[in-house]
Amino acid sequence: MPEIQLKLMGSLGRLAGERETRLLVDEGATVRDLLTLLAERYGPEFAGAIFRAPGEVHTYLRAFLDERDAELGDRVAREGGAPAAVAVLIVPGFEGGSR
């Protein structure tokens, strides 16, 4: 099982009570799997910051693998089991204004 090192940015770090953590994941685990594991570890308030409904990730949440924007289906361990460096953050939404 690969061990993934994570950085929890912005309000996620505050909700988790730590900015960095490690998780053991199954071979083939995806970003979505990783988010689910984090939600289970840190509880309902943290989960609410990630998921707007079960299995539906908020549109303002971003995950990065090796400093590249990642999709929810991207695998977090490379071929051969080498884990990616993962950062997960919430990007605040912006509301439109009027002129």
Protein backbone atom coordinates (compact mmCIF):
# COMPACT_ATOMS: atom_id res chain seq x y z
CA MET A 1 0.00 0.00 0.00
CA PRO A 2 1.47 3.35 -0.99
CA GLU A 3 1.67 6.06 1.65
CA ILE A 4 0.55 9.44 0.39
CA GLN A 5 1.85 12.65 1.94
CA LEU A 6 -0.79 15.37 1.91
CA LYS A 7 -0.88 19.10 2.44
CA LEU A 8 -4.22 20.47 3.58
CA MET A 9 -4.42 24.08 2.52
CA GLY A 10 -6.63 26.94 3.58
CA SER A 11 -9.64 26.14 5.73
CA LEU A 12 -9.10 22.38 5.30
CA GLY A 13 -5.96 22.56 7.43
CA ARG A 14 -7.84 24.48 10.10
CA LEU A 15 -10.73 21.99 10.09
CA ALA A 16 -8.34 19.04 10.28
CA GLY A 17 -6.21 20.62 12.98
CA GLU A 18 -3.07 19.98 10.93
CA ARG A 19 -1.60 21.19 7.66
CA GLU A 20 0.18 17.96 6.70
CA THR A 21 -0.73 14.31 7.11
CA ARG A 22 -0.09 10.89 5.61
CA LEU A 23 -2.54 8.26 4.42
CA LEU A 24 -2.13 4.67 3.34
CA VAL A 25 -4.12 4.08 0.17
CA ASP A 26 -4.90 1.07 -1.99
CA GLU A 27 -3.09 0.58 -5.27
CA GLY A 28 -5.13 2.40 -7.88
CA ALA A 29 -6.65 4.89 -5.41
CA THR A 30 -7.91 8.06 -7.04
CA VAL A 31 -8.15 11.65 -5.87
CA ARG A 32 -11.84 11.01 -5.11
CA ASP A 33 -10.88 8.00 -2.95
CA LEU A 34 -8.37 10.15 -1.11
CA LEU A 35 -10.97 12.85 -0.42
CA THR A 36 -13.36 10.20 0.94
CA LEU A 37 -10.66 8.87 3.28
CA LEU A 38 -9.92 12.39 4.50
CA ALA A 39 -13.62 13.04 5.14
CA GLU A 40 -13.85 9.82 7.16
CA ARG A 41 -10.75 10.69 9.17
CA TYR A 42 -11.64 14.30 10.02
CA GLY A 43 -15.41 14.11 10.47
CA PRO A 44 -18.60 15.76 9.28
CA GLU A 45 -17.52 19.42 9.27
CA PHE A 46 -14.44 18.57 7.19
CA ALA A 47 -16.54 16.33 4.93
CA GLY A 48 -18.99 19.20 4.41
CA ALA A 49 -16.13 21.39 3.22
CA ILE A 50 -15.29 18.78 0.57
CA PHE A 51 -18.61 17.26 -0.46
CA ARG A 52 -21.81 19.18 -1.21
CA ALA A 53 -23.71 15.85 -1.30
CA PRO A 54 -22.54 12.25 -0.93
CA GLY A 55 -19.98 11.66 -3.67
CA GLU A 56 -20.34 15.19 -5.11
CA VAL A 57 -17.25 17.30 -4.57
CA HIS A 58 -17.68 21.08 -4.26
CA THR A 59 -16.70 22.82 -7.49
CA TYR A 60 -14.36 25.19 -5.64
CA LEU A 61 -12.21 22.37 -4.24
CA ARG A 62 -8.89 21.74 -5.98
CA ALA A 63 -6.44 18.90 -5.62
CA PHE A 64 -2.92 18.95 -6.98
CA LEU A 65 -0.67 15.98 -7.75
CA ASP A 66 2.99 16.90 -8.00
CA GLU A 67 1.95 20.57 -8.27
CA ARG A 68 -0.37 19.93 -11.26
CA ASP A 69 -4.15 20.43 -11.14
CA ALA A 70 -5.69 16.96 -10.73
CA GLU A 71 -9.00 15.46 -11.78
CA LEU A 72 -11.07 13.38 -9.34
CA GLY A 73 -10.35 10.19 -11.29
CA ASP A 74 -6.57 10.67 -11.38
CA ARG A 75 -4.59 7.98 -9.58
CA VAL A 76 -2.55 9.16 -6.60
CA ALA A 77 0.13 6.46 -6.92
CA ARG A 78 2.22 6.16 -10.04
CA GLU A 79 3.04 2.93 -11.82
CA GLY A 80 5.35 0.92 -9.60
CA GLY A 81 3.70 2.27 -6.47
CA ALA A 82 5.58 5.57 -6.18
CA PRO A 83 3.16 8.02 -4.57
CA ALA A 84 2.52 11.50 -5.89
CA ALA A 85 2.92 14.57 -3.72
CA VAL A 86 -0.65 15.68 -3.04
CA ALA A 87 -2.00 19.06 -1.99
CA VAL A 88 -5.71 19.60 -1.40
CA LEU A 89 -7.17 23.06 -1.00
CA ILE A 90 -10.37 25.01 -1.11
CA VAL A 91 -10.38 27.93 -3.49
CA PRO A 92 -12.91 30.51 -2.33
CA GLY A 93 -15.72 31.20 -4.75
CA PHE A 94 -16.12 34.63 -6.24
CA GLU A 95 -19.41 36.33 -6.82
CA GLY A 96 -20.05 38.52 -9.79
CA GLY A 97 -20.45 42.22 -9.32
CA SER A 98 -22.31 44.96 -11.08
CA ARG A 99 -20.90 47.88 -12.95
